Amino acid sequence: MYRSIANGAAAILALYVPATNAFWRLECSGSVGMARIDPLMDFGGLSGHVHSIKGGSAFSSTSTADDLLKSKCQSCDVAQDKSAYWAPPLYFMAADGTMTLVPEKPPFKAYYELNTGLTSDGKRQTVEPFPNGFQMIAGTNIRRNTTLSGPDPSEYRGPFTDENNSQREERAIGFNCMNYANPSLAEDALSRHHLPEKSWIDSNCPDGIRLELAFPSCWNGEMDGGEDHKSHVAFPHWIKAGDCPPGFDRRLPHLMYETIVDTAIFIGKNGKFVLGNGDPTGYGYHGDFIAAWDEGVLKQAVDQCTDKRGDMRLCGVFEFTDKPASCTLENLPSELKDENTVGPLQNLPGGCEVEYGPDPANKCKGASGSSSGGKSAGKSVEKFVGKPEKVPTESYSSPAEPAPASIENESPAAPQKAAVDAAKVEDKGDDNGAPPPQLPPAAPATTPPPSADSAVAGQAGNIISTSLHTDGNVVHENVVVMHEVTVTEGGVKAKRTPEAKAEHVKRHGHRHHHPMQHGVGGRRMR
């Protein structure tokens, strides 16, 4: 866009794309447990709904970073990381109301992206490591509606300068269709913010669905945000990158969860998918985090793990565990030792009702010490909270029909648009959190494409970001270069201003790896 300067005598072309800097994918080969435990929202008691828990084995309803650091083992592959990562799993609800856990396809991945931006007064930020004991929530457990406008999935990636933090939170959730055999249908991360209908998933996603959740990275310096565990952090204006709002000028690593679930085993079965918190819409997807790294290791990683391919094994700071998948919780509460979280179940663990909204959902019955989850005699109940509205549907072509050039170019039926009552969300929350961003590029394990510097040799400007996409077995990389451009009107010369002019320089590097290793067909690599 153009911004008028000096009474309209000059205009400055302004196009800025934030850079994705170094990052690593922290892989967790297993889960320490599937249990109704949540030390942030239900400290000292039982959570209202079940969580899939990764990280240190000392995780409990009262665990702190000090407790986690004493863990006997961890389910994540980096030995020095005893942090806790947890989020609700996905269930299949059959036509008769019974529930069965949808299995995950390991590894779970926690992305640590070292993206920077500007403070509210224009100063360049430096990424700080999470201090041990830092904790936060992303997403809002009881949300059953969206305030976002436009198609969903959406190709628009920001900046979202006119949106508040709650709306940016809604954009930090993604449900990515996995189809490794058809890379042309690859989807961008965080482009779909609702859980698709099962019939559409069955027809289009033979390799499952990837649940995506991004956390805020702008920080006010507090270790926690109080009751909601999110008021101390905020999203930058590009969700995963960009500049921070006033009052949140410090920068943390951009954390993002990525969980692939095997929905394909339910193809052809009559029913629907629902999150473990009773959410069939996906708007209430959320997750929690407590930082607990061995002293000084995360600081070293932030300073030294500067590779842009994301492979944690390329960082010499990390040591790796032998059998992370065999690690389990040390102290499961007695009330939960016999609780069935896998199924088939007569209802969701915690007694959660399946609620469509558009009003915020009710708190699950099994919270505050109750252990009714998976035990009640009644069948699962579906209901709308507030005025019944149709759940968003997908309008994409099935594989039997002509396939679109890109799934995300299609526009599904408009999602629910009624605004969420912010006060109700705060008052009724069981797990209030913040939203998710786009995933970083998936890295080739070997034979990486040529470097950006060599690809744009001889061209003026500074590289500010790169992105990858695939075409068959060929990797194309786009390079965005920063230039200084002066535009004049009426013979008056404008003041020289830094300007980002995108010069897409395609580079080719052949890929000789199985696509499943790199997410080909699951995410447009960017």
Protein backbone atom coordinates (compact mmCIF):
# COMPACT_ATOMS: atom_id res chain seq x y z
CA MET A 1 0.00 0.00 0.00
CA TYR A 2 1.00 3.68 -0.25
CA ARG A 3 1.23 6.18 2.58
CA SER A 4 0.89 9.87 1.71
CA ILE A 5 3.68 12.17 2.88
CA ALA A 6 4.20 15.97 2.75
CA ASN A 7 0.68 17.01 1.74
CA GLY A 8 0.43 14.30 -0.87
CA ALA A 9 3.54 15.40 -2.72
CA ALA A 10 5.20 12.07 -2.20
CA ALA A 11 4.22 8.51 -1.48
CA ILE A 12 6.27 5.69 -0.07
CA LEU A 13 5.58 2.15 -1.19
CA ALA A 14 5.36 0.01 1.95
CA LEU A 15 5.57 -3.75 1.70
CA TYR A 16 7.14 -5.65 4.54
CA VAL A 17 7.35 -9.37 5.06
CA PRO A 18 8.79 -10.53 8.43
CA ALA A 19 11.70 -12.92 8.32
CA THR A 20 11.57 -16.42 9.72
CA ASN A 21 14.88 -16.80 11.51
CA ALA A 22 16.57 -19.83 13.02
CA PHE A 23 14.39 -22.47 14.65
CA TRP A 24 14.39 -26.08 15.77
CA ARG A 25 11.70 -28.72 16.01
CA LEU A 26 11.78 -30.28 19.47
CA GLU A 27 10.48 -33.81 18.92
CA CYS A 28 8.68 -35.89 21.55
CA SER A 29 8.59 -39.56 20.58
CA GLY A 30 5.99 -40.40 23.21
CA SER A 31 3.52 -39.07 25.78
CA VAL A 32 4.06 -39.42 29.52
CA GLY A 33 0.33 -39.86 29.91
CA MET A 34 -3.25 -39.23 28.86
CA ALA A 35 -4.94 -37.86 31.97
CA ARG A 36 -7.20 -35.22 33.48
CA ILE A 37 -4.35 -33.24 35.01
CA ASP A 38 -3.75 -29.50 34.56
CA PRO A 39 -1.55 -27.69 37.12
CA LEU A 40 -2.37 -24.30 35.58
CA MET A 41 -6.18 -24.32 35.42
CA ASP A 42 -6.95 -27.02 38.02
CA PHE A 43 -4.07 -26.82 40.47
CA GLY A 44 -4.22 -29.53 43.12
CA GLY A 45 -7.36 -31.17 41.74
CA LEU A 46 -8.63 -33.02 38.70
CA SER A 47 -9.06 -31.30 35.36
CA GLY A 48 -12.45 -31.16 33.73
CA HIS A 49 -11.15 -32.79 30.56
CA VAL A 50 -8.34 -35.07 29.45
CA HIS A 51 -4.96 -33.93 28.11
CA SER A 52 -2.23 -35.57 26.07
CA ILE A 53 0.89 -34.77 28.10
CA LYS A 54 4.47 -34.58 26.86
CA GLY A 55 7.66 -33.80 28.76
CA GLY A 56 8.95 -34.54 32.24
CA SER A 57 7.63 -37.59 34.13
CA ALA A 58 7.15 -35.57 37.36
CA PHE A 59 4.20 -33.74 35.81
CA SER A 60 1.29 -33.59 38.27
CA SER A 61 -1.64 -31.40 39.33
CA THR A 62 0.76 -29.38 41.49
CA SER A 63 3.95 -29.55 39.47
CA THR A 64 6.26 -26.57 39.13
CA ALA A 65 9.43 -26.18 37.12
CA ASP A 66 11.47 -27.31 40.14
CA ASP A 67 9.40 -30.50 40.29
CA LEU A 68 9.71 -31.13 36.55
CA LEU A 69 13.50 -30.71 36.68
CA LYS A 70 13.60 -33.69 39.07
CA SER A 71 11.82 -35.94 36.55
CA LYS A 72 13.25 -39.45 36.28
CA CYS A 73 12.70 -39.41 32.51
CA GLN A 74 11.07 -37.34 29.75
CA SER A 75 9.05 -38.26 26.68
CA CYS A 76 10.74 -35.61 24.54
CA ASP A 77 13.97 -36.52 22.77
CA VAL A 78 16.24 -33.74 24.16
CA ALA A 79 17.59 -34.95 27.49
CA GLN A 80 18.05 -31.47 28.99
CA ASP A 81 14.39 -30.53 28.47
CA LYS A 82 12.00 -31.49 31.28
CA SER A 83 9.38 -28.91 30.30
CA ALA A 84 5.67 -29.82 30.18
CA TYR A 85 3.61 -29.54 26.98
CA TRP A 86 -0.07 -30.53 27.07
CA ALA A 87 -3.26 -30.17 25.00
CA PRO A 88 -6.59 -32.02 24.59
CA PRO A 89 -6.57 -35.08 22.30
CA LEU A 90 -9.07 -35.87 19.53
CA TYR A 91 -11.88 -38.43 19.87
CA PHE A 92 -14.17 -40.17 17.41
CA MET A 93 -17.82 -39.99 18.44
CA ALA A 94 -19.80 -42.83 16.87
CA ALA A 95 -23.43 -42.54 15.83
CA ASP A 96 -24.51 -44.20 19.10
CA GLY A 97 -22.60 -41.61 21.15
CA THR A 98 -19.67 -43.78 22.22
CA MET A 99 -16.21 -42.21 22.21
CA THR A 100 -12.88 -43.66 21.03
CA LEU A 101 -9.51 -41.93 21.23
CA VAL A 102 -7.99 -41.05 17.85
CA PRO A 103 -4.36 -42.23 18.12
CA GLU A 104 -1.52 -39.80 17.58
CA LYS A 105 1.20 -40.39 15.00
CA PRO A 106 4.49 -39.54 16.75
CA PRO A 107 6.55 -37.57 17.08
CA PHE A 108 4.75 -34.61 18.60
CA LYS A 109 6.70 -31.47 17.68
CA ALA A 110 7.20 -28.25 19.62
CA TYR A 111 8.68 -25.60 17.34
CA TYR A 112 11.06 -23.10 18.91
CA GLU A 113 11.31 -20.23 16.41
CA LEU A 114 13.70 -17.36 17.06
CA ASN A 115 11.70 -14.68 15.24
CA THR A 116 12.26 -11.05 16.14
CA GLY A 117 10.56 -7.75 15.45
CA LEU A 118 10.36 -4.22 16.78
CA THR A 119 9.26 -2.93 20.16
CA SER A 120 6.40 -0.46 20.37
CA ASP A 121 8.97 2.38 20.25
CA GLY A 122 10.75 1.00 17.19
CA LYS A 123 13.73 -0.81 18.74
CA ARG A 124 14.96 -4.14 17.36
CA GLN A 125 14.29 -7.03 19.75
CA THR A 126 16.56 -9.84 20.90
CA VAL A 127 15.05 -13.25 21.62
CA GLU A 128 15.35 -14.30 25.27
CA PRO A 129 15.05 -17.93 26.46
CA PHE A 130 12.03 -18.95 28.50
CA PRO A 131 13.08 -18.64 32.16
CA ASN A 132 12.46 -21.80 34.17
CA GLY A 133 9.05 -21.54 35.81
CA PHE A 134 7.59 -19.47 33.01
CA GLN A 135 4.13 -20.74 32.11
CA MET A 136 1.38 -19.82 29.67
CA ILE A 137 -1.73 -21.03 27.85
CA ALA A 138 -2.57 -20.62 24.17
CA GLY A 139 -6.14 -20.84 22.93
CA THR A 140 -9.46 -20.65 24.80
CA ASN A 141 -10.96 -23.90 26.03
CA ILE A 142 -14.61 -22.76 26.09
CA ARG A 143 -14.63 -20.93 22.75
CA ARG A 144 -17.18 -22.40 20.32
CA ASN A 145 -17.34 -19.61 17.78
CA THR A 146 -15.20 -17.27 15.71
CA THR A 147 -15.09 -13.52 15.23
CA LEU A 148 -12.86 -13.75 12.15
CA SER A 149 -14.17 -12.66 8.77
CA GLY A 150 -13.31 -14.00 5.33
CA PRO A 151 -12.94 -17.55 4.04
CA ASP A 152 -11.63 -20.36 6.18
CA PRO A 153 -9.15 -21.72 5.07
CA SER A 154 -7.68 -18.36 4.20
CA GLU A 155 -4.65 -17.43 2.10
CA TYR A 156 -4.24 -14.10 3.89
CA ARG A 157 -1.26 -14.16 6.24
CA GLY A 158 -1.25 -10.64 7.69
CA PRO A 159 -0.22 -8.26 9.01
CA PHE A 160 -3.25 -8.13 11.30
CA THR A 161 -2.71 -4.59 12.50
CA ASP A 162 -6.41 -3.86 13.05
CA GLU A 163 -7.10 -6.94 15.17
CA ASN A 164 -6.91 -7.28 18.93
CA ASN A 165 -5.00 -10.01 20.71
CA SER A 166 -8.09 -12.20 21.09
CA GLN A 167 -8.64 -12.21 17.32
CA ARG A 168 -4.97 -12.96 16.68
CA GLU A 169 -5.37 -15.84 19.14
CA GLU A 170 -8.09 -17.30 16.90
CA ARG A 171 -5.65 -17.25 13.98
CA ALA A 172 -3.09 -19.19 15.99
CA ILE A 173 -5.04 -22.46 15.60
CA GLY A 174 -4.78 -24.78 12.61
CA PHE A 175 -6.27 -28.06 11.35
CA ASN A 176 -4.11 -29.16 8.43
CA CYS A 177 -5.22 -31.89 6.02
CA MET A 178 -2.47 -34.49 5.45
CA ASN A 179 -2.24 -36.07 2.00
CA TYR A 180 1.33 -37.19 1.28
CA ALA A 181 0.46 -38.69 -2.11
CA ASN A 182 -0.74 -35.39 -3.56
CA PRO A 183 1.69 -32.51 -2.87
CA SER A 184 -0.38 -30.19 -5.09
CA LEU A 185 -3.01 -30.14 -2.34
CA ALA A 186 -0.55 -29.12 0.37
CA GLU A 187 -1.94 -26.59 2.83
CA ASP A 188 -0.29 -23.73 4.65
CA ALA A 189 -0.05 -24.05 8.40
CA LEU A 190 -2.67 -22.14 10.39
CA SER A 191 -4.81 -21.51 7.34
CA ARG A 192 -7.89 -23.41 8.60
CA HIS A 193 -9.14 -22.38 12.03
CA HIS A 194 -11.96 -24.90 12.46
CA LEU A 195 -12.14 -28.68 12.62
CA PRO A 196 -13.46 -29.96 9.25
CA GLU A 197 -16.43 -32.28 8.92
CA LYS A 198 -15.59 -35.97 9.14
CA SER A 199 -16.98 -36.71 5.65
CA TRP A 200 -14.57 -34.16 4.17
CA ILE A 201 -11.64 -35.49 6.20
CA ASP A 202 -12.45 -39.03 5.05
CA SER A 203 -12.42 -37.97 1.39
CA ASN A 204 -9.41 -35.67 1.40
CA CYS A 205 -7.04 -36.49 4.26
CA PRO A 206 -5.83 -40.12 3.96
CA ASP A 207 -2.84 -39.44 6.23
CA GLY A 208 -4.77 -37.74 9.01
CA ILE A 209 -5.15 -34.23 10.39
CA ARG A 210 -2.41 -32.11 11.93
CA LEU A 211 -3.50 -30.12 14.98
CA GLU A 212 -1.55 -26.84 15.16
CA LEU A 213 -1.33 -24.41 18.05
CA ALA A 214 0.85 -21.29 18.22
CA PHE A 215 1.73 -19.39 21.38
CA PRO A 216 2.32 -15.64 21.83
CA SER A 217 5.95 -14.48 21.82
CA CYS A 218 5.66 -10.85 23.01
CA TRP A 219 6.23 -10.61 26.75
CA ASN A 220 5.88 -8.14 29.62
CA GLY A 221 8.47 -9.85 31.84
CA GLU A 222 6.07 -11.61 34.23
CA MET A 223 6.37 -15.37 34.85
CA ASP A 224 2.61 -15.94 34.64
CA GLY A 225 -0.47 -13.99 33.59
CA GLY A 226 -2.68 -14.59 36.59
CA GLU A 227 -6.00 -16.45 36.42
CA ASP A 228 -6.04 -16.82 32.65
CA HIS A 229 -2.28 -17.59 32.40
CA LYS A 230 -2.04 -15.49 29.24
CA SER A 231 -2.26 -11.81 30.20
CA HIS A 232 1.55 -11.56 30.43
CA VAL A 233 2.02 -12.38 26.73
CA ALA A 234 0.67 -11.11 23.41
CA PHE A 235 0.88 -11.93 19.73
CA PRO A 236 3.01 -9.94 17.28
CA HIS A 237 1.10 -8.48 14.34
CA TRP A 238 2.04 -11.34 11.99
CA ILE A 239 0.96 -13.89 14.66
CA LYS A 240 4.23 -15.83 14.68
CA ALA A 241 6.50 -12.93 13.72
CA GLY A 242 6.38 -9.16 13.42
CA ASP A 243 6.23 -6.31 15.91
CA CYS A 244 4.95 -6.33 19.49
CA PRO A 245 2.20 -4.18 21.03
CA PRO A 246 2.88 -1.61 23.77
CA GLY A 247 3.59 -3.14 27.15
CA PHE A 248 4.97 -6.38 25.66
CA ASP A 249 8.35 -5.28 24.34
CA ARG A 250 10.42 -8.31 25.36
CA ARG A 251 10.67 -11.23 22.94
CA LEU A 252 10.49 -14.97 23.71
CA PRO A 253 10.91 -17.89 21.31
CA HIS A 254 7.81 -18.45 19.23
CA LEU A 255 6.46 -21.80 20.48
CA MET A 256 4.15 -23.91 18.34
CA TYR A 257 2.67 -27.38 18.89
CA GLU A 258 2.16 -29.82 16.04
CA THR A 259 0.27 -33.12 16.58
CA ILE A 260 -0.74 -35.48 13.75
CA VAL A 261 -3.71 -37.73 14.53
CA ASP A 262 -4.67 -40.89 12.63
CA THR A 263 -8.22 -40.07 11.56
CA ALA A 264 -7.89 -42.49 8.61
CA ILE A 265 -8.63 -45.53 10.79
CA PHE A 266 -12.20 -44.23 11.12
CA ILE A 267 -12.84 -43.73 7.39
CA GLY A 268 -16.29 -44.97 6.45
CA LYS A 269 -17.54 -45.10 10.05
CA ASN A 270 -20.64 -43.08 10.85
CA GLY A 271 -19.88 -40.36 13.37
CA LYS A 272 -17.81 -37.21 13.92
CA PHE A 273 -14.60 -35.98 15.50
CA VAL A 274 -14.58 -33.97 18.71
CA LEU A 275 -11.79 -32.64 20.93
CA GLY A 276 -11.41 -34.02 24.43
CA ASN A 277 -12.91 -30.84 25.92
CA GLY A 278 -16.22 -31.52 24.13
CA ASP A 279 -15.48 -29.19 21.21
CA PRO A 280 -16.65 -30.37 17.75
CA THR A 281 -15.84 -27.00 16.12
CA GLY A 282 -12.10 -26.72 16.79
CA TYR A 283 -12.41 -23.11 17.95
CA GLY A 284 -11.70 -24.23 21.52
CA TYR A 285 -8.42 -25.98 20.80
CA HIS A 286 -5.81 -24.90 23.33
CA GLY A 287 -2.60 -25.93 25.05
CA ASP A 288 -0.43 -25.27 28.09
CA PHE A 289 3.29 -24.92 28.72
CA ILE A 290 5.67 -24.84 31.71
CA ALA A 291 9.36 -24.17 30.96
CA ALA A 292 11.84 -26.47 32.73
CA TRP A 293 15.21 -26.78 30.99
CA ASP A 294 18.52 -27.76 32.59
CA GLU A 295 20.29 -24.62 33.75
CA GLY A 296 21.72 -22.54 30.90
CA VAL A 297 20.88 -24.99 28.09
CA LEU A 298 18.01 -23.06 26.51
CA LYS A 299 20.08 -19.85 26.59
CA GLN A 300 22.87 -21.69 24.76
CA ALA A 301 20.40 -23.07 22.22
CA VAL A 302 18.90 -19.63 21.53
CA ASP A 303 22.41 -18.22 20.99
CA GLN A 304 23.96 -21.13 19.09
CA CYS A 305 21.23 -23.13 17.30
CA THR A 306 21.06 -20.80 14.32
CA ASP A 307 20.40 -23.32 11.56
CA LYS A 308 17.31 -22.45 9.50
CA ARG A 309 16.41 -26.02 8.59
CA GLY A 310 14.90 -26.82 11.96
CA ASP A 311 16.64 -30.13 12.64
CA MET A 312 17.29 -30.33 16.38
CA ARG A 313 20.10 -32.83 15.76
CA LEU A 314 22.11 -30.13 14.01
CA CYS A 315 22.40 -28.22 17.27
CA GLY A 316 25.49 -29.32 19.22
CA VAL A 317 24.01 -28.01 22.48
CA PHE A 318 21.47 -30.82 22.76
CA GLU A 319 21.93 -34.31 24.16
CA PHE A 320 19.39 -37.01 23.34
CA THR A 321 17.58 -39.68 25.36
CA ASP A 322 17.54 -43.36 24.43
CA LYS A 323 13.93 -44.36 25.08
CA PRO A 324 11.68 -41.30 25.40
CA ALA A 325 8.62 -43.25 24.20
CA SER A 326 8.76 -45.51 27.27
CA CYS A 327 8.62 -42.65 29.81
CA THR A 328 5.38 -42.40 31.84
CA LEU A 329 3.99 -40.28 34.68
CA GLU A 330 5.54 -41.02 38.08
CA ASN A 331 2.58 -40.04 40.26
CA LEU A 332 -0.81 -40.54 38.62
CA PRO A 333 -3.58 -39.61 41.10
CA SER A 334 -5.37 -42.63 42.54
CA GLU A 335 -8.69 -41.36 41.19
CA LEU A 336 -7.32 -41.57 37.66
CA LYS A 337 -5.42 -44.86 37.74
CA ASP A 338 -8.42 -46.84 36.51
CA GLU A 339 -9.95 -44.13 34.32
CA ASN A 340 -10.39 -45.26 30.73
CA THR A 341 -9.25 -42.48 28.39
CA VAL A 342 -8.95 -44.64 25.26
CA GLY A 343 -12.41 -46.09 24.86
CA PRO A 344 -14.85 -47.11 23.81
CA LEU A 345 -16.46 -44.78 26.38
CA GLN A 346 -20.04 -43.88 27.14
CA ASN A 347 -18.96 -40.23 27.37
CA LEU A 348 -15.81 -38.12 27.27
CA PRO A 349 -13.46 -38.32 30.27
CA GLY A 350 -14.55 -35.66 32.76
CA GLY A 351 -18.18 -35.84 31.64
CA CYS A 352 -17.74 -33.17 28.98
CA GLU A 353 -20.83 -32.57 26.88
CA VAL A 354 -20.39 -31.99 23.15
CA GLU A 355 -21.31 -28.32 22.72
CA TYR A 356 -21.42 -26.45 19.39
CA GLY A 357 -21.95 -22.88 20.60
CA PRO A 358 -22.05 -20.13 19.51
CA ASP A 359 -22.00 -19.18 23.20
CA PRO A 360 -19.04 -20.23 25.36
CA ALA A 361 -19.23 -23.85 26.52
CA ASN A 362 -19.95 -25.02 30.04
CA LYS A 363 -17.27 -26.40 32.33
CA CYS A 364 -16.93 -30.18 32.16
CA LYS A 365 -18.57 -32.06 35.02
CA GLY A 366 -15.45 -33.91 36.11
CA ALA A 367 -13.53 -30.82 37.27
CA SER A 368 -12.69 -29.88 40.89
CA GLY A 369 -11.97 -33.36 42.21
CA SER A 370 -14.77 -35.30 40.57
CA SER A 371 -13.74 -38.46 38.73
CA SER A 372 -16.86 -39.22 36.70
CA GLY A 373 -15.06 -39.17 33.36
CA GLY A 374 -15.39 -42.40 31.44
CA LYS A 375 -17.59 -43.86 34.17
CA SER A 376 -21.09 -42.47 33.68
CA ALA A 377 -23.86 -44.70 32.43
CA GLY A 378 -25.43 -42.12 30.11
CA LYS A 379 -24.52 -41.68 26.45
CA SER A 380 -22.65 -38.61 25.24
CA VAL A 381 -24.97 -35.67 24.72
CA GLU A 382 -24.71 -33.12 21.91
CA LYS A 383 -26.15 -29.67 22.38
CA PHE A 384 -25.98 -26.10 21.16
CA VAL A 385 -25.25 -23.35 23.69
CA GLY A 386 -27.22 -20.29 22.72
CA LYS A 387 -28.92 -19.97 19.34
CA PRO A 388 -28.30 -23.11 17.25
CA GLU A 389 -26.15 -22.32 14.24
CA LYS A 390 -24.85 -24.60 11.56
CA VAL A 391 -21.32 -25.82 12.11
CA PRO A 392 -18.93 -24.73 9.30
CA THR A 393 -18.74 -27.16 6.41
CA GLU A 394 -16.10 -27.72 3.76
CA SER A 395 -16.97 -27.07 0.13
CA TYR A 396 -13.88 -28.57 -1.45
CA SER A 397 -14.01 -31.14 -4.21
CA SER A 398 -13.70 -34.75 -3.12
CA PRO A 399 -11.00 -36.89 -4.75
CA ALA A 400 -13.66 -38.26 -7.15
CA GLU A 401 -14.24 -34.75 -8.48
CA PRO A 402 -11.77 -32.46 -10.29
CA ALA A 403 -9.25 -31.46 -7.67
CA PRO A 404 -8.56 -27.73 -7.16
CA ALA A 405 -5.06 -26.44 -7.86
CA SER A 406 -4.72 -25.65 -4.17
CA ILE A 407 -7.06 -26.65 -1.36
CA GLU A 408 -6.69 -23.33 0.34
CA ASN A 409 -7.97 -21.43 -2.72
CA GLU A 410 -11.41 -22.95 -2.19
CA SER A 411 -13.84 -21.16 0.09
CA PRO A 412 -15.90 -23.34 2.43
CA ALA A 413 -19.27 -22.29 3.76
CA ALA A 414 -19.01 -19.28 6.03
CA PRO A 415 -18.17 -20.20 9.62
CA GLN A 416 -20.20 -19.06 12.59
CA LYS A 417 -19.78 -15.32 13.00
CA ALA A 418 -21.56 -14.40 16.23
CA ALA A 419 -19.13 -12.57 18.50
CA VAL A 420 -17.90 -14.37 21.58
CA ASP A 421 -18.84 -12.62 24.81
CA ALA A 422 -15.41 -11.82 26.25
CA ALA A 423 -16.73 -11.56 29.78
CA LYS A 424 -18.31 -15.01 29.58
CA VAL A 425 -15.09 -16.48 28.27
CA GLU A 426 -13.20 -15.13 31.26
CA ASP A 427 -15.83 -16.14 33.84
CA LYS A 428 -16.66 -19.63 32.62
CA GLY A 429 -13.23 -20.74 31.50
CA ASP A 430 -11.86 -24.14 32.32
CA ASP A 431 -8.73 -23.53 30.28
CA ASN A 432 -8.39 -20.06 28.81
CA GLY A 433 -5.45 -19.52 26.49
CA ALA A 434 -4.04 -17.78 23.45
CA PRO A 435 -4.02 -18.59 19.66
CA PRO A 436 -1.49 -20.11 17.15
CA PRO A 437 0.70 -18.95 14.06
CA GLN A 438 2.16 -20.42 10.89
CA LEU A 439 4.60 -23.28 10.97
CA PRO A 440 8.21 -22.80 9.97
CA PRO A 441 9.67 -24.54 6.94
CA ALA A 442 10.19 -28.27 7.14
CA ALA A 443 13.83 -29.06 6.60
CA PRO A 444 15.36 -31.52 4.17
CA ALA A 445 17.42 -34.05 6.12
CA THR A 446 20.09 -34.11 3.42
CA THR A 447 20.97 -32.36 0.18
CA PRO A 448 19.61 -28.92 1.11
CA PRO A 449 18.96 -26.43 -1.70
CA PRO A 450 21.58 -23.77 -2.51
CA SER A 451 22.04 -21.01 0.03
CA ALA A 452 20.04 -17.82 -0.27
CA ASP A 453 23.20 -15.75 -0.47
CA SER A 454 24.51 -17.59 -3.51
CA ALA A 455 21.11 -17.65 -5.19
CA VAL A 456 20.74 -13.90 -5.17
CA ALA A 457 24.37 -13.01 -5.74
CA GLY A 458 24.68 -9.74 -7.56
CA GLN A 459 21.24 -8.45 -6.55
CA ALA A 460 20.97 -5.37 -4.39
CA GLY A 461 19.24 -5.49 -1.01
CA ASN A 462 19.20 -7.65 2.09
CA ILE A 463 17.48 -11.00 2.40
CA ILE A 464 14.67 -10.70 4.98
CA SER A 465 12.93 -14.05 4.50
CA THR A 466 12.94 -17.25 2.52
CA SER A 467 10.22 -19.81 1.85
CA LEU A 468 10.11 -23.27 0.28
CA HIS A 469 7.51 -25.13 -1.75
CA THR A 470 7.65 -28.42 -3.60
CA ASP A 471 6.72 -29.56 -7.07
CA GLY A 472 7.08 -33.32 -7.34
CA ASN A 473 10.60 -34.10 -6.17
CA VAL A 474 11.84 -30.55 -6.72
CA VAL A 475 12.18 -27.97 -3.96
CA HIS A 476 11.65 -24.33 -4.95
CA GLU A 477 12.84 -21.61 -2.64
CA ASN A 478 11.57 -18.01 -2.77
CA VAL A 479 13.76 -15.24 -1.42
CA VAL A 480 12.36 -11.90 -0.27
CA VAL A 481 14.91 -9.09 -0.52
CA MET A 482 14.79 -5.76 1.33
CA HIS A 483 15.44 -2.67 -0.82
CA GLU A 484 15.39 1.04 -0.26
CA VAL A 485 12.99 2.62 -2.75
CA THR A 486 12.10 6.25 -3.29
CA VAL A 487 8.85 7.18 -5.02
CA THR A 488 8.20 10.76 -6.14
CA GLU A 489 5.01 12.61 -7.05
CA GLY A 490 4.76 16.02 -8.64
CA GLY A 491 8.50 16.41 -8.90
CA VAL A 492 8.99 16.41 -5.12
CA LYS A 493 11.49 13.83 -3.90
CA ALA A 494 10.41 11.81 -0.88
CA LYS A 495 12.68 11.06 2.03
CA ARG A 496 14.50 7.78 1.51
CA THR A 497 12.80 5.09 3.59
CA PRO A 498 13.63 1.36 4.04
CA GLU A 499 11.36 -0.56 1.70
CA ALA A 500 10.78 -4.23 1.15
CA LYS A 501 10.49 -5.18 -2.47
CA ALA A 502 9.85 -8.89 -3.03
CA GLU A 503 12.09 -10.43 -5.59
CA HIS A 504 11.11 -14.05 -5.81
CA VAL A 505 14.21 -15.89 -6.83
CA LYS A 506 13.42 -19.54 -7.49
CA ARG A 507 16.06 -22.04 -6.60
CA HIS A 508 15.92 -25.70 -7.33
CA GLY A 509 17.19 -28.54 -5.20
CA HIS A 510 16.22 -32.14 -5.76
CA ARG A 511 14.62 -34.04 -2.88
CA HIS A 512 15.34 -37.74 -2.55
CA HIS A 513 13.51 -38.45 0.67
CA HIS A 514 10.21 -40.04 1.57
CA PRO A 515 7.68 -37.21 1.67
CA MET A 516 6.36 -38.21 5.09
CA GLN A 517 9.70 -37.28 6.62
CA HIS A 518 9.33 -33.67 5.58
CA GLY A 519 5.62 -33.04 5.57
CA VAL A 520 5.32 -32.93 1.78
CA GLY A 521 1.63 -32.90 1.00
CA GLY A 522 0.86 -31.92 4.56
CA ARG A 523 2.06 -28.33 4.59
CA ARG A 524 3.17 -25.85 2.01
CA MET A 525 6.73 -25.38 3.18
CA ARG A 526 7.30 -21.79 4.14
